[in-house]
Amino acid sequence: MKILGIETSCDETAIAVAVDKKHLLSNIIVSSLHLHKRYGGVVPEIACRHHTELINIILDKALKKAKVSLGDIDAVSVTRGPGLVGSLLVGISLAKALSYSLKIPIIAINHLHAHLYSPFMNEDEVKLPAVGLIVSGGHSSLVYIKDIEKIELLGQTRDDACGEAFDKVAKILDLGFPGGPVIEKTARKGNPEKIEFPRTYLKKGSLDFSFSGIKTAVLYYVDGLKKKKERVNIPDVCAGFQAACFDMLLKKTEDAIIRKRPKSIVIGGGVSANSLLRQRLKGLADSLGVDIFFPPKGMHTDNAGMVAALGAYLYQRGKATRENFSAEAGLNFN
């Protein structure tokens, strides 16, 4: 079995070939991030153009790396959403063209589902049921995974995603874009207890997140010092901000685990690469006596490997997409 996976939901143009639900023959990713840095965020039109210019080149590279031809492909899986509509349509158009011309099945993939699936690609088996946490630049969600195909949404951000807040705080501090890696690096030099930023937990029992308040608190703190012409200790700001964000993530995750009593925790999304967050989540899992699984190396950010592997899992279970479909920018869990 060889499944081609296509991922173009945001700024990464990615194509991979999977041989089963865990193993890949290739996973090629090319980002247009360098084109967006000057604007402080992803510009949809630039991302879409980049996908259009490169996607056929990436397809050739992925096939060559896997040492297969198009004729060897049994099915194609593609991200249908959520994401930028123009970007999604580039990937979907290629997938439909391949499905039609090669007369092979097509499998439409939920990008969030793929992020949740990436920890299942580890060699160690994830025991179900599991609580899943997606934490990325565009999404912060908690789910309950009864089965890989049965996912219950427990909570999600009501405003900014965690990674989005990192980007905005990095902009406030003139640290550049994207914010996640630079804030993590800068925070290592700071004292997380020096500045106490507010934590937003919402009403009792809610598993939703809110990160807009802490972003605003950082803005007011920095502006206040600048008005008084006092120096801003950027490492301390980064450390305090990061600690507050992770406290909110940990509290909601802990509440979900206590409520659902899962056998495992699975973590997906780009922010899951943060070493401090991983350390704290591992500590939480150990204290509650559950196993925790992170994505394999290189699978944290948007990539086609997770799309291809999830496609292989669904294909083996006869889940090829039968109805016509298009891009869904706001796609979520049903």
Foldseek 3Di string as FASTA:
>chain_A
DKEWFFEQQFFKGWIWIAPALAGTLFWDIDGPVVVCQVVLDGDLVVSLVVNQVCNVVNVVVRCVSSVHDLLVHQEYEYEQDAHRQSRRQSRVVVRVVSCVVNVHFYAYDHQVLLQQSQLCNDPDHADDFAWEFEAAQAWTFIWTPRDSVDIGTQEIEPDGTLQVLQSLLCVLVVNTPPRQVSLLVLLVPADLVPDAFDADQDDPPGLYHYDPRSSVVSNCVVVVCVVVPHDDSSNNSSSNSVVRSLVNSLVSVLSVCVVPVIQEYEYAAQNCVRPVSVVVVVVSCVVSVHYYTYGPPPRRYDIRVSRRSVVNVCVVVVNGDDDDGHHDNPDDDD
